[in-house]
């Protein structure tokens, strides 16, 4: 399952990752 859905796993991690460099100036 992990091998078949590798791209989706990394995409999911990217979607779940909160940005901490939003330009607030």
PDBML (XML) file of the C-alpha atoms, coordinates in Angstrom:
<?xml version="1.0" encoding="UTF-8" ?>
<PDBx:datablock datablockName="MODEL"
   xmlns:PDBx="http://pdbml.pdb.org/schema/pdbx-v50.xsd"
   xmlns:xsi="http://www.w3.org/2001/XMLSchema-instance"
   xsi:schemaLocation="http://pdbml.pdb.org/schema/pdbx-v50.xsd pdbx-v50.xsd">
   <PDBx:atom_siteCategory>
      <PDBx:atom_site id="1">
         <PDBx:B_iso_or_equiv>0.00</PDBx:B_iso_or_equiv>
         <PDBx:Cartn_x>0.000</PDBx:Cartn_x>
         <PDBx:Cartn_y>0.000</PDBx:Cartn_y>
         <PDBx:Cartn_z>0.000</PDBx:Cartn_z>
         <PDBx:auth_asym_id>A</PDBx:auth_asym_id>
         <PDBx:auth_atom_id>CA</PDBx:auth_atom_id>
         <PDBx:auth_comp_id>UNK</PDBx:auth_comp_id>
         <PDBx:auth_seq_id>1</PDBx:auth_seq_id>
         <PDBx:group_PDB>ATOM</PDBx:group_PDB>
         <PDBx:label_alt_id xsi:nil="true" />
         <PDBx:label_asym_id>A</PDBx:label_asym_id>
         <PDBx:label_atom_id>CA</PDBx:label_atom_id>
         <PDBx:label_comp_id>UNK</PDBx:label_comp_id>
         <PDBx:label_entity_id>1</PDBx:label_entity_id>
         <PDBx:label_seq_id>1</PDBx:label_seq_id>
         <PDBx:occupancy>1.00</PDBx:occupancy>
         <PDBx:pdbx_PDB_model_num>1</PDBx:pdbx_PDB_model_num>
         <PDBx:type_symbol>C</PDBx:type_symbol>
      </PDBx:atom_site>
      <PDBx:atom_site id="2">
         <PDBx:B_iso_or_equiv>0.00</PDBx:B_iso_or_equiv>
         <PDBx:Cartn_x>2.798</PDBx:Cartn_x>
         <PDBx:Cartn_y>2.392</PDBx:Cartn_y>
         <PDBx:Cartn_z>0.898</PDBx:Cartn_z>
         <PDBx:auth_asym_id>A</PDBx:auth_asym_id>
         <PDBx:auth_atom_id>CA</PDBx:auth_atom_id>
         <PDBx:auth_comp_id>UNK</PDBx:auth_comp_id>
         <PDBx:auth_seq_id>2</PDBx:auth_seq_id>
         <PDBx:group_PDB>ATOM</PDBx:group_PDB>
         <PDBx:label_alt_id xsi:nil="true" />
         <PDBx:label_asym_id>A</PDBx:label_asym_id>
         <PDBx:label_atom_id>CA</PDBx:label_atom_id>
         <PDBx:label_comp_id>UNK</PDBx:label_comp_id>
         <PDBx:label_entity_id>1</PDBx:label_entity_id>
         <PDBx:label_seq_id>2</PDBx:label_seq_id>
         <PDBx:occupancy>1.00</PDBx:occupancy>
         <PDBx:pdbx_PDB_model_num>1</PDBx:pdbx_PDB_model_num>
         <PDBx:type_symbol>C</PDBx:type_symbol>
      </PDBx:atom_site>
      <PDBx:atom_site id="3">
         <PDBx:B_iso_or_equiv>0.00</PDBx:B_iso_or_equiv>
         <PDBx:Cartn_x>4.651</PDBx:Cartn_x>
         <PDBx:Cartn_y>1.665</PDBx:Cartn_y>
         <PDBx:Cartn_z>-2.335</PDBx:Cartn_z>
         <PDBx:auth_asym_id>A</PDBx:auth_asym_id>
         <PDBx:auth_atom_id>CA</PDBx:auth_atom_id>
         <PDBx:auth_comp_id>UNK</PDBx:auth_comp_id>
         <PDBx:auth_seq_id>3</PDBx:auth_seq_id>
         <PDBx:group_PDB>ATOM</PDBx:group_PDB>
         <PDBx:label_alt_id xsi:nil="true" />
         <PDBx:label_asym_id>A</PDBx:label_asym_id>
         <PDBx:label_atom_id>CA</PDBx:label_atom_id>
         <PDBx:label_comp_id>UNK</PDBx:label_comp_id>
         <PDBx:label_entity_id>1</PDBx:label_entity_id>
         <PDBx:label_seq_id>3</PDBx:label_seq_id>
         <PDBx:occupancy>1.00</PDBx:occupancy>
         <PDBx:pdbx_PDB_model_num>1</PDBx:pdbx_PDB_model_num>
         <PDBx:type_symbol>C</PDBx:type_symbol>
      </PDBx:atom_site>
      <PDBx:atom_site id="4">
         <PDBx:B_iso_or_equiv>0.00</PDBx:B_iso_or_equiv>
         <PDBx:Cartn_x>1.539</PDBx:Cartn_x>
         <PDBx:Cartn_y>2.109</PDBx:Cartn_y>
         <PDBx:Cartn_z>-4.483</PDBx:Cartn_z>
         <PDBx:auth_asym_id>A</PDBx:auth_asym_id>
         <PDBx:auth_atom_id>CA</PDBx:auth_atom_id>
         <PDBx:auth_comp_id>UNK</PDBx:auth_comp_id>
         <PDBx:auth_seq_id>4</PDBx:auth_seq_id>
         <PDBx:group_PDB>ATOM</PDBx:group_PDB>
         <PDBx:label_alt_id xsi:nil="true" />
         <PDBx:label_asym_id>A</PDBx:label_asym_id>
         <PDBx:label_atom_id>CA</PDBx:label_atom_id>
         <PDBx:label_comp_id>UNK</PDBx:label_comp_id>
         <PDBx:label_entity_id>1</PDBx:label_entity_id>
         <PDBx:label_seq_id>4</PDBx:label_seq_id>
         <PDBx:occupancy>1.00</PDBx:occupancy>
         <PDBx:pdbx_PDB_model_num>1</PDBx:pdbx_PDB_model_num>
         <PDBx:type_symbol>C</PDBx:type_symbol>
      </PDBx:atom_site>
      <PDBx:atom_site id="5">
         <PDBx:B_iso_or_equiv>0.00</PDBx:B_iso_or_equiv>
         <PDBx:Cartn_x>0.422</PDBx:Cartn_x>
         <PDBx:Cartn_y>5.352</PDBx:Cartn_y>
         <PDBx:Cartn_z>-2.841</PDBx:Cartn_z>
         <PDBx:auth_asym_id>A</PDBx:auth_asym_id>
         <PDBx:auth_atom_id>CA</PDBx:auth_atom_id>
         <PDBx:auth_comp_id>UNK</PDBx:auth_comp_id>
         <PDBx:auth_seq_id>5</PDBx:auth_seq_id>
         <PDBx:group_PDB>ATOM</PDBx:group_PDB>
         <PDBx:label_alt_id xsi:nil="true" />
         <PDBx:label_asym_id>A</PDBx:label_asym_id>
         <PDBx:label_atom_id>CA</PDBx:label_atom_id>
         <PDBx:label_comp_id>UNK</PDBx:label_comp_id>
         <PDBx:label_entity_id>1</PDBx:label_entity_id>
         <PDBx:label_seq_id>5</PDBx:label_seq_id>
         <PDBx:occupancy>1.00</PDBx:occupancy>
         <PDBx:pdbx_PDB_model_num>1</PDBx:pdbx_PDB_model_num>
         <PDBx:type_symbol>C</PDBx:type_symbol>
      </PDBx:atom_site>
      <PDBx:atom_site id="6">
         <PDBx:B_iso_or_equiv>0.00</PDBx:B_iso_or_equiv>
         <PDBx:Cartn_x>3.781</PDBx:Cartn_x>
         <PDBx:Cartn_y>7.024</PDBx:Cartn_y>
         <PDBx:Cartn_z>-2.210</PDBx:Cartn_z>
         <PDBx:auth_asym_id>A</PDBx:auth_asym_id>
         <PDBx:auth_atom_id>CA</PDBx:auth_atom_id>
         <PDBx:auth_comp_id>UNK</PDBx:auth_comp_id>
         <PDBx:auth_seq_id>6</PDBx:auth_seq_id>
         <PDBx:group_PDB>ATOM</PDBx:group_PDB>
         <PDBx:label_alt_id xsi:nil="true" />
         <PDBx:label_asym_id>A</PDBx:label_asym_id>
         <PDBx:label_atom_id>CA</PDBx:label_atom_id>
         <PDBx:label_comp_id>UNK</PDBx:label_comp_id>
         <PDBx:label_entity_id>1</PDBx:label_entity_id>
         <PDBx:label_seq_id>6</PDBx:label_seq_id>
         <PDBx:occupancy>1.00</PDBx:occupancy>
         <PDBx:pdbx_PDB_model_num>1</PDBx:pdbx_PDB_model_num>
         <PDBx:type_symbol>C</PDBx:type_symbol>
      </PDBx:atom_site>
      <PDBx:atom_site id="7">
         <PDBx:B_iso_or_equiv>0.00</PDBx:B_iso_or_equiv>
         <PDBx:Cartn_x>2.926</PDBx:Cartn_x>
         <PDBx:Cartn_y>10.203</PDBx:Cartn_y>
         <PDBx:Cartn_z>-4.114</PDBx:Cartn_z>
         <PDBx:auth_asym_id>A</PDBx:auth_asym_id>
         <PDBx:auth_atom_id>CA</PDBx:auth_atom_id>
         <PDBx:auth_comp_id>UNK</PDBx:auth_comp_id>
         <PDBx:auth_seq_id>7</PDBx:auth_seq_id>
         <PDBx:group_PDB>ATOM</PDBx:group_PDB>
         <PDBx:label_alt_id xsi:nil="true" />
         <PDBx:label_asym_id>A</PDBx:label_asym_id>
         <PDBx:label_atom_id>CA</PDBx:label_atom_id>
         <PDBx:label_comp_id>UNK</PDBx:label_comp_id>
         <PDBx:label_entity_id>1</PDBx:label_entity_id>
         <PDBx:label_seq_id>7</PDBx:label_seq_id>
         <PDBx:occupancy>1.00</PDBx:occupancy>
         <PDBx:pdbx_PDB_model_num>1</PDBx:pdbx_PDB_model_num>
         <PDBx:type_symbol>C</PDBx:type_symbol>
      </PDBx:atom_site>
      <PDBx:atom_site id="8">
         <PDBx:B_iso_or_equiv>0.00</PDBx:B_iso_or_equiv>
         <PDBx:Cartn_x>-0.350</PDBx:Cartn_x>
         <PDBx:Cartn_y>10.577</PDBx:Cartn_y>
         <PDBx:Cartn_z>-2.245</PDBx:Cartn_z>
         <PDBx:auth_asym_id>A</PDBx:auth_asym_id>
         <PDBx:auth_atom_id>CA</PDBx:auth_atom_id>
         <PDBx:auth_comp_id>UNK</PDBx:auth_comp_id>
         <PDBx:auth_seq_id>8</PDBx:auth_seq_id>
         <PDBx:group_PDB>ATOM</PDBx:group_PDB>
         <PDBx:label_alt_id xsi:nil="true" />
         <PDBx:label_asym_id>A</PDBx:label_asym_id>
         <PDBx:label_atom_id>CA</PDBx:label_atom_id>
         <PDBx:label_comp_id>UNK</PDBx:label_comp_id>
         <PDBx:label_entity_id>1</PDBx:label_entity_id>
         <PDBx:label_seq_id>8</PDBx:label_seq_id>
         <PDBx:occupancy>1.00</PDBx:occupancy>
         <PDBx:pdbx_PDB_model_num>1</PDBx:pdbx_PDB_model_num>
         <PDBx:type_symbol>C</PDBx:type_symbol>
      </PDBx:atom_site>
      <PDBx:atom_site id="9">
         <PDBx:B_iso_or_equiv>0.00</PDBx:B_iso_or_equiv>
         <PDBx:Cartn_x>1.395</PDBx:Cartn_x>
         <PDBx:Cartn_y>10.110</PDBx:Cartn_y>
         <PDBx:Cartn_z>1.102</PDBx:Cartn_z>
         <PDBx:auth_asym_id>A</PDBx:auth_asym_id>
         <PDBx:auth_atom_id>CA</PDBx:auth_atom_id>
         <PDBx:auth_comp_id>UNK</PDBx:auth_comp_id>
         <PDBx:auth_seq_id>9</PDBx:auth_seq_id>
         <PDBx:group_PDB>ATOM</PDBx:group_PDB>
         <PDBx:label_alt_id xsi:nil="true" />
         <PDBx:label_asym_id>A</PDBx:label_asym_id>
         <PDBx:label_atom_id>CA</PDBx:label_atom_id>
         <PDBx:label_comp_id>UNK</PDBx:label_comp_id>
         <PDBx:label_entity_id>1</PDBx:label_entity_id>
         <PDBx:label_seq_id>9</PDBx:label_seq_id>
         <PDBx:occupancy>1.00</PDBx:occupancy>
         <PDBx:pdbx_PDB_model_num>1</PDBx:pdbx_PDB_model_num>
         <PDBx:type_symbol>C</PDBx:type_symbol>
      </PDBx:atom_site>
      <PDBx:atom_site id="10">
         <PDBx:B_iso_or_equiv>0.00</PDBx:B_iso_or_equiv>
         <PDBx:Cartn_x>3.838</PDBx:Cartn_x>
         <PDBx:Cartn_y>12.939</PDBx:Cartn_y>
         <PDBx:Cartn_z>0.440</PDBx:Cartn_z>
         <PDBx:auth_asym_id>A</PDBx:auth_asym_id>
         <PDBx:auth_atom_id>CA</PDBx:auth_atom_id>
         <PDBx:auth_comp_id>UNK</PDBx:auth_comp_id>
         <PDBx:auth_seq_id>10</PDBx:auth_seq_id>
         <PDBx:group_PDB>ATOM</PDBx:group_PDB>
         <PDBx:label_alt_id xsi:nil="true" />
         <PDBx:label_asym_id>A</PDBx:label_asym_id>
         <PDBx:label_atom_id>CA</PDBx:label_atom_id>
         <PDBx:label_comp_id>UNK</PDBx:label_comp_id>
         <PDBx:label_entity_id>1</PDBx:label_entity_id>
         <PDBx:label_seq_id>10</PDBx:label_seq_id>
         <PDBx:occupancy>1.00</PDBx:occupancy>
         <PDBx:pdbx_PDB_model_num>1</PDBx:pdbx_PDB_model_num>
         <PDBx:type_symbol>C</PDBx:type_symbol>
      </PDBx:atom_site>
      <PDBx:atom_site id="11">
         <PDBx:B_iso_or_equiv>0.00</PDBx:B_iso_or_equiv>
         <PDBx:Cartn_x>1.090</PDBx:Cartn_x>
         <PDBx:Cartn_y>15.142</PDBx:Cartn_y>
         <PDBx:Cartn_z>-0.999</PDBx:Cartn_z>
         <PDBx:auth_asym_id>A</PDBx:auth_asym_id>
         <PDBx:auth_atom_id>CA</PDBx:auth_atom_id>
         <PDBx:auth_comp_id>UNK</PDBx:auth_comp_id>
         <PDBx:auth_seq_id>11</PDBx:auth_seq_id>
         <PDBx:group_PDB>ATOM</PDBx:group_PDB>
         <PDBx:label_alt_id xsi:nil="true" />
         <PDBx:label_asym_id>A</PDBx:label_asym_id>
         <PDBx:label_atom_id>CA</PDBx:label_atom_id>
         <PDBx:label_comp_id>UNK</PDBx:label_comp_id>
         <PDBx:label_entity_id>1</PDBx:label_entity_id>
         <PDBx:label_seq_id>11</PDBx:label_seq_id>
         <PDBx:occupancy>1.00</PDBx:occupancy>
         <PDBx:pdbx_PDB_model_num>1</PDBx:pdbx_PDB_model_num>
         <PDBx:type_symbol>C</PDBx:type_symbol>
      </PDBx:atom_site>
      <PDBx:atom_site id="12">
         <PDBx:B_iso_or_equiv>0.00</PDBx:B_iso_or_equiv>
         <PDBx:Cartn_x>-0.965</PDBx:Cartn_x>
         <PDBx:Cartn_y>14.523</PDBx:Cartn_y>
         <PDBx:Cartn_z>2.148</PDBx:Cartn_z>
         <PDBx:auth_asym_id>A</PDBx:auth_asym_id>
         <PDBx:auth_atom_id>CA</PDBx:auth_atom_id>
         <PDBx:auth_comp_id>UNK</PDBx:auth_comp_id>
         <PDBx:auth_seq_id>12</PDBx:auth_seq_id>
         <PDBx:group_PDB>ATOM</PDBx:group_PDB>
         <PDBx:label_alt_id xsi:nil="true" />
         <PDBx:label_asym_id>A</PDBx:label_asym_id>
         <PDBx:label_atom_id>CA</PDBx:label_atom_id>
         <PDBx:label_comp_id>UNK</PDBx:label_comp_id>
         <PDBx:label_entity_id>1</PDBx:label_entity_id>
         <PDBx:label_seq_id>12</PDBx:label_seq_id>
         <PDBx:occupancy>1.00</PDBx:occupancy>
         <PDBx:pdbx_PDB_model_num>1</PDBx:pdbx_PDB_model_num>
         <PDBx:type_symbol>C</PDBx:type_symbol>
      </PDBx:atom_site>
      <PDBx:atom_site id="13">
         <PDBx:B_iso_or_equiv>0.00</PDBx:B_iso_or_equiv>
         <PDBx:Cartn_x>1.952</PDBx:Cartn_x>
         <PDBx:Cartn_y>15.477</PDBx:Cartn_y>
         <PDBx:Cartn_z>4.357</PDBx:Cartn_z>
         <PDBx:auth_asym_id>A</PDBx:auth_asym_id>
         <PDBx:auth_atom_id>CA</PDBx:auth_atom_id>
         <PDBx:auth_comp_id>UNK</PDBx:auth_comp_id>
         <PDBx:auth_seq_id>13</PDBx:auth_seq_id>
         <PDBx:group_PDB>ATOM</PDBx:group_PDB>
         <PDBx:label_alt_id xsi:nil="true" />
         <PDBx:label_asym_id>A</PDBx:label_asym_id>
         <PDBx:label_atom_id>CA</PDBx:label_atom_id>
         <PDBx:label_comp_id>UNK</PDBx:label_comp_id>
         <PDBx:label_entity_id>1</PDBx:label_entity_id>
         <PDBx:label_seq_id>13</PDBx:label_seq_id>
         <PDBx:occupancy>1.00</PDBx:occupancy>
         <PDBx:pdbx_PDB_model_num>1</PDBx:pdbx_PDB_model_num>
         <PDBx:type_symbol>C</PDBx:type_symbol>
      </PDBx:atom_site>
      <PDBx:atom_site id="14">
         <PDBx:B_iso_or_equiv>0.00</PDBx:B_iso_or_equiv>
         <PDBx:Cartn_x>2.399</PDBx:Cartn_x>
         <PDBx:Cartn_y>18.687</PDBx:Cartn_y>
         <PDBx:Cartn_z>2.389</PDBx:Cartn_z>
         <PDBx:auth_asym_id>A</PDBx:auth_asym_id>
         <PDBx:auth_atom_id>CA</PDBx:auth_atom_id>
         <PDBx:auth_comp_id>UNK</PDBx:auth_comp_id>
         <PDBx:auth_seq_id>14</PDBx:auth_seq_id>
         <PDBx:group_PDB>ATOM</PDBx:group_PDB>
         <PDBx:label_alt_id xsi:nil="true" />
         <PDBx:label_asym_id>A</PDBx:label_asym_id>
         <PDBx:label_atom_id>CA</PDBx:label_atom_id>
         <PDBx:label_comp_id>UNK</PDBx:label_comp_id>
         <PDBx:label_entity_id>1</PDBx:label_entity_id>
         <PDBx:label_seq_id>14</PDBx:label_seq_id>
         <PDBx:occupancy>1.00</PDBx:occupancy>
         <PDBx:pdbx_PDB_model_num>1</PDBx:pdbx_PDB_model_num>
         <PDBx:type_symbol>C</PDBx:type_symbol>
      </PDBx:atom_site>
      <PDBx:atom_site id="15">
         <PDBx:B_iso_or_equiv>0.00</PDBx:B_iso_or_equiv>
         <PDBx:Cartn_x>-1.305</PDBx:Cartn_x>
         <PDBx:Cartn_y>19.537</PDBx:Cartn_y>
         <PDBx:Cartn_z>2.711</PDBx:Cartn_z>
         <PDBx:auth_asym_id>A</PDBx:auth_asym_id>
         <PDBx:auth_atom_id>CA</PDBx:auth_atom_id>
         <PDBx:auth_comp_id>UNK</PDBx:auth_comp_id>
         <PDBx:auth_seq_id>15</PDBx:auth_seq_id>
         <PDBx:group_PDB>ATOM</PDBx:group_PDB>
         <PDBx:label_alt_id xsi:nil="true" />
         <PDBx:label_asym_id>A</PDBx:label_asym_id>
         <PDBx:label_atom_id>CA</PDBx:label_atom_id>
         <PDBx:label_comp_id>UNK</PDBx:label_comp_id>
         <PDBx:label_entity_id>1</PDBx:label_entity_id>
         <PDBx:label_seq_id>15</PDBx:label_seq_id>
         <PDBx:occupancy>1.00</PDBx:occupancy>
         <PDBx:pdbx_PDB_model_num>1</PDBx:pdbx_PDB_model_num>
         <PDBx:type_symbol>C</PDBx:type_symbol>
      </PDBx:atom_site>
      <PDBx:atom_site id="16">
         <PDBx:B_iso_or_equiv>0.00</PDBx:B_iso_or_equiv>
         <PDBx:Cartn_x>-1.184</PDBx:Cartn_x>
         <PDBx:Cartn_y>18.904</PDBx:Cartn_y>
         <PDBx:Cartn_z>6.467</PDBx:Cartn_z>
         <PDBx:auth_asym_id>A</PDBx:auth_asym_id>
         <PDBx:auth_atom_id>CA</PDBx:auth_atom_id>
         <PDBx:auth_comp_id>UNK</PDBx:auth_comp_id>
         <PDBx:auth_seq_id>16</PDBx:auth_seq_id>
         <PDBx:group_PDB>ATOM</PDBx:group_PDB>
         <PDBx:label_alt_id xsi:nil="true" />
         <PDBx:label_asym_id>A</PDBx:label_asym_id>
         <PDBx:label_atom_id>CA</PDBx:label_atom_id>
         <PDBx:label_comp_id>UNK</PDBx:label_comp_id>
         <PDBx:label_entity_id>1</PDBx:label_entity_id>
         <PDBx:label_seq_id>16</PDBx:label_seq_id>
         <PDBx:occupancy>1.00</PDBx:occupancy>
         <PDBx:pdbx_PDB_model_num>1</PDBx:pdbx_PDB_model_num>
         <PDBx:type_symbol>C</PDBx:type_symbol>
      </PDBx:atom_site>
      <PDBx:atom_site id="17">
         <PDBx:B_iso_or_equiv>0.00</PDBx:B_iso_or_equiv>
         <PDBx:Cartn_x>1.948</PDBx:Cartn_x>
         <PDBx:Cartn_y>20.970</PDBx:Cartn_y>
         <PDBx:Cartn_z>7.044</PDBx:Cartn_z>
         <PDBx:auth_asym_id>A</PDBx:auth_asym_id>
         <PDBx:auth_atom_id>CA</PDBx:auth_atom_id>
         <PDBx:auth_comp_id>UNK</PDBx:auth_comp_id>
         <PDBx:auth_seq_id>17</PDBx:auth_seq_id>
         <PDBx:group_PDB>ATOM</PDBx:group_PDB>
         <PDBx:label_alt_id xsi:nil="true" />
         <PDBx:label_asym_id>A</PDBx:label_asym_id>
         <PDBx:label_atom_id>CA</PDBx:label_atom_id>
         <PDBx:label_comp_id>UNK</PDBx:label_comp_id>
         <PDBx:label_entity_id>1</PDBx:label_entity_id>
         <PDBx:label_seq_id>17</PDBx:label_seq_id>
         <PDBx:occupancy>1.00</PDBx:occupancy>
         <PDBx:pdbx_PDB_model_num>1</PDBx:pdbx_PDB_model_num>
         <PDBx:type_symbol>C</PDBx:type_symbol>
      </PDBx:atom_site>
      <PDBx:atom_site id="18">
         <PDBx:B_iso_or_equiv>0.00</PDBx:B_iso_or_equiv>
         <PDBx:Cartn_x>1.239</PDBx:Cartn_x>
         <PDBx:Cartn_y>24.420</PDBx:Cartn_y>
         <PDBx:Cartn_z>8.474</PDBx:Cartn_z>
         <PDBx:auth_asym_id>A</PDBx:auth_asym_id>
         <PDBx:auth_atom_id>CA</PDBx:auth_atom_id>
         <PDBx:auth_comp_id>UNK</PDBx:auth_comp_id>
         <PDBx:auth_seq_id>18</PDBx:auth_seq_id>
         <PDBx:group_PDB>ATOM</PDBx:group_PDB>
         <PDBx:label_alt_id xsi:nil="true" />
         <PDBx:label_asym_id>A</PDBx:label_asym_id>
         <PDBx:label_atom_id>CA</PDBx:label_atom_id>
         <PDBx:label_comp_id>UNK</PDBx:label_comp_id>
         <PDBx:label_entity_id>1</PDBx:label_entity_id>
         <PDBx:label_seq_id>18</PDBx:label_seq_id>
         <PDBx:occupancy>1.00</PDBx:occupancy>
         <PDBx:pdbx_PDB_model_num>1</PDBx:pdbx_PDB_model_num>
         <PDBx:type_symbol>C</PDBx:type_symbol>
      </PDBx:atom_site>
      <PDBx:atom_site id="19">
         <PDBx:B_iso_or_equiv>0.00</PDBx:B_iso_or_equiv>
         <PDBx:Cartn_x>3.198</PDBx:Cartn_x>
         <PDBx:Cartn_y>27.242</PDBx:Cartn_y>
         <PDBx:Cartn_z>6.854</PDBx:Cartn_z>
         <PDBx:auth_asym_id>A</PDBx:auth_asym_id>
         <PDBx:auth_atom_id>CA</PDBx:auth_atom_id>
         <PDBx:auth_comp_id>UNK</PDBx:auth_comp_id>
         <PDBx:auth_seq_id>19</PDBx:auth_seq_id>
         <PDBx:group_PDB>ATOM</PDBx:group_PDB>
         <PDBx:label_alt_id xsi:nil="true" />
         <PDBx:label_asym_id>A</PDBx:label_asym_id>
         <PDBx:label_atom_id>CA</PDBx:label_atom_id>
         <PDBx:label_comp_id>UNK</PDBx:label_comp_id>
         <PDBx:label_entity_id>1</PDBx:label_entity_id>
         <PDBx:label_seq_id>19</PDBx:label_seq_id>
         <PDBx:occupancy>1.00</PDBx:occupancy>
         <PDBx:pdbx_PDB_model_num>1</PDBx:pdbx_PDB_model_num>
         <PDBx:type_symbol>C</PDBx:type_symbol>
      </PDBx:atom_site>
      <PDBx:atom_site id="20">
         <PDBx:B_iso_or_equiv>0.00</PDBx:B_iso_or_equiv>
         <PDBx:Cartn_x>5.326</PDBx:Cartn_x>
         <PDBx:Cartn_y>29.227</PDBx:Cartn_y>
         <PDBx:Cartn_z>9.262</PDBx:Cartn_z>
         <PDBx:auth_asym_id>A</PDBx:auth_asym_id>
         <PDBx:auth_atom_id>CA</PDBx:auth_atom_id>
         <PDBx:auth_comp_id>UNK</PDBx:auth_comp_id>
         <PDBx:auth_seq_id>20</PDBx:auth_seq_id>
         <PDBx:group_PDB>ATOM</PDBx:group_PDB>
         <PDBx:label_alt_id xsi:nil="true" />
         <PDBx:label_asym_id>A</PDBx:label_asym_id>
         <PDBx:label_atom_id>CA</PDBx:label_atom_id>
         <PDBx:label_comp_id>UNK</PDBx:label_comp_id>
         <PDBx:label_entity_id>1</PDBx:label_entity_id>
         <PDBx:label_seq_id>20</PDBx:label_seq_id>
         <PDBx:occupancy>1.00</PDBx:occupancy>
         <PDBx:pdbx_PDB_model_num>1</PDBx:pdbx_PDB_model_num>
         <PDBx:type_symbol>C</PDBx:type_symbol>
      </PDBx:atom_site>
      <PDBx:atom_site id="21">
         <PDBx:B_iso_or_equiv>0.00</PDBx:B_iso_or_equiv>
         <PDBx:Cartn_x>6.665</PDBx:Cartn_x>
         <PDBx:Cartn_y>31.785</PDBx:Cartn_y>
         <PDBx:Cartn_z>6.814</PDBx:Cartn_z>
         <PDBx:auth_asym_id>A</PDBx:auth_asym_id>
         <PDBx:auth_atom_id>CA</PDBx:auth_atom_id>
         <PDBx:auth_comp_id>UNK</PDBx:auth_comp_id>
         <PDBx:auth_seq_id>21</PDBx:auth_seq_id>
         <PDBx:group_PDB>ATOM</PDBx:group_PDB>
         <PDBx:label_alt_id xsi:nil="true" />
         <PDBx:label_asym_id>A</PDBx:label_asym_id>
         <PDBx:label_atom_id>CA</PDBx:label_atom_id>
         <PDBx:label_comp_id>UNK</PDBx:label_comp_id>
         <PDBx:label_entity_id>1</PDBx:label_entity_id>
         <PDBx:label_seq_id>21</PDBx:label_seq_id>
         <PDBx:occupancy>1.00</PDBx:occupancy>
         <PDBx:pdbx_PDB_model_num>1</PDBx:pdbx_PDB_model_num>
         <PDBx:type_symbol>C</PDBx:type_symbol>
      </PDBx:atom_site>
      <PDBx:atom_site id="22">
         <PDBx:B_iso_or_equiv>0.00</PDBx:B_iso_or_equiv>
         <PDBx:Cartn_x>3.545</PDBx:Cartn_x>
         <PDBx:Cartn_y>33.723</PDBx:Cartn_y>
         <PDBx:Cartn_z>5.809</PDBx:Cartn_z>
         <PDBx:auth_asym_id>A</PDBx:auth_asym_id>
         <PDBx:auth_atom_id>CA</PDBx:auth_atom_id>
         <PDBx:auth_comp_id>UNK</PDBx:auth_comp_id>
         <PDBx:auth_seq_id>22</PDBx:auth_seq_id>
         <PDBx:group_PDB>ATOM</PDBx:group_PDB>
         <PDBx:label_alt_id xsi:nil="true" />
         <PDBx:label_asym_id>A</PDBx:label_asym_id>
         <PDBx:label_atom_id>CA</PDBx:label_atom_id>
         <PDBx:label_comp_id>UNK</PDBx:label_comp_id>
         <PDBx:label_entity_id>1</PDBx:label_entity_id>
         <PDBx:label_seq_id>22</PDBx:label_seq_id>
         <PDBx:occupancy>1.00</PDBx:occupancy>
         <PDBx:pdbx_PDB_model_num>1</PDBx:pdbx_PDB_model_num>
         <PDBx:type_symbol>C</PDBx:type_symbol>
      </PDBx:atom_site>
      <PDBx:atom_site id="23">
         <PDBx:B_iso_or_equiv>0.00</PDBx:B_iso_or_equiv>
         <PDBx:Cartn_x>4.536</PDBx:Cartn_x>
         <PDBx:Cartn_y>37.332</PDBx:Cartn_y>
         <PDBx:Cartn_z>4.939</PDBx:Cartn_z>
         <PDBx:auth_asym_id>A</PDBx:auth_asym_id>
         <PDBx:auth_atom_id>CA</PDBx:auth_atom_id>
         <PDBx:auth_comp_id>UNK</PDBx:auth_comp_id>
         <PDBx:auth_seq_id>23</PDBx:auth_seq_id>
         <PDBx:group_PDB>ATOM</PDBx:group_PDB>
         <PDBx:label_alt_id xsi:nil="true" />
         <PDBx:label_asym_id>A</PDBx:label_asym_id>
         <PDBx:label_atom_id>CA</PDBx:label_atom_id>
         <PDBx:label_comp_id>UNK</PDBx:label_comp_id>
         <PDBx:label_entity_id>1</PDBx:label_entity_id>
         <PDBx:label_seq_id>23</PDBx:label_seq_id>
         <PDBx:occupancy>1.00</PDBx:occupancy>
         <PDBx:pdbx_PDB_model_num>1</PDBx:pdbx_PDB_model_num>
         <PDBx:type_symbol>C</PDBx:type_symbol>
      </PDBx:atom_site>
      <PDBx:atom_site id="24">
         <PDBx:B_iso_or_equiv>0.00</PDBx:B_iso_or_equiv>
         <PDBx:Cartn_x>2.889</PDBx:Cartn_x>
         <PDBx:Cartn_y>39.399</PDBx:Cartn_y>
         <PDBx:Cartn_z>7.663</PDBx:Cartn_z>
         <PDBx:auth_asym_id>A</PDBx:auth_asym_id>
         <PDBx:auth_atom_id>CA</PDBx:auth_atom_id>
         <PDBx:auth_comp_id>UNK</PDBx:auth_comp_id>
         <PDBx:auth_seq_id>24</PDBx:auth_seq_id>
         <PDBx:group_PDB>ATOM</PDBx:group_PDB>
         <PDBx:label_alt_id xsi:nil="true" />
         <PDBx:label_asym_id>A</PDBx:label_asym_id>
         <PDBx:label_atom_id>CA</PDBx:label_atom_id>
         <PDBx:label_comp_id>UNK</PDBx:label_comp_id>
         <PDBx:label_entity_id>1</PDBx:label_entity_id>
         <PDBx:label_seq_id>24</PDBx:label_seq_id>
         <PDBx:occupancy>1.00</PDBx:occupancy>
         <PDBx:pdbx_PDB_model_num>1</PDBx:pdbx_PDB_model_num>
         <PDBx:type_symbol>C</PDBx:type_symbol>
      </PDBx:atom_site>
      <PDBx:atom_site id="25">
         <PDBx:B_iso_or_equiv>0.00</PDBx:B_iso_or_equiv>
         <PDBx:Cartn_x>4.547</PDBx:Cartn_x>
         <PDBx:Cartn_y>42.739</PDBx:Cartn_y>
         <PDBx:Cartn_z>6.982</PDBx:Cartn_z>
         <PDBx:auth_asym_id>A</PDBx:auth_asym_id>
         <PDBx:auth_atom_id>CA</PDBx:auth_atom_id>
         <PDBx:auth_comp_id>UNK</PDBx:auth_comp_id>
         <PDBx:auth_seq_id>25</PDBx:auth_seq_id>
         <PDBx:group_PDB>ATOM</PDBx:group_PDB>
         <PDBx:label_alt_id xsi:nil="true" />
         <PDBx:label_asym_id>A</PDBx:label_asym_id>
         <PDBx:label_atom_id>CA</PDBx:label_atom_id>
         <PDBx:label_comp_id>UNK</PDBx:label_comp_id>
         <PDBx:label_entity_id>1</PDBx:label_entity_id>
         <PDBx:label_seq_id>25</PDBx:label_seq_id>
         <PDBx:occupancy>1.00</PDBx:occupancy>
         <PDBx:pdbx_PDB_model_num>1</PDBx:pdbx_PDB_model_num>
         <PDBx:type_symbol>C</PDBx:type_symbol>
      </PDBx:atom_site>
   </PDBx:atom_siteCategory>
</PDBx:datablock>
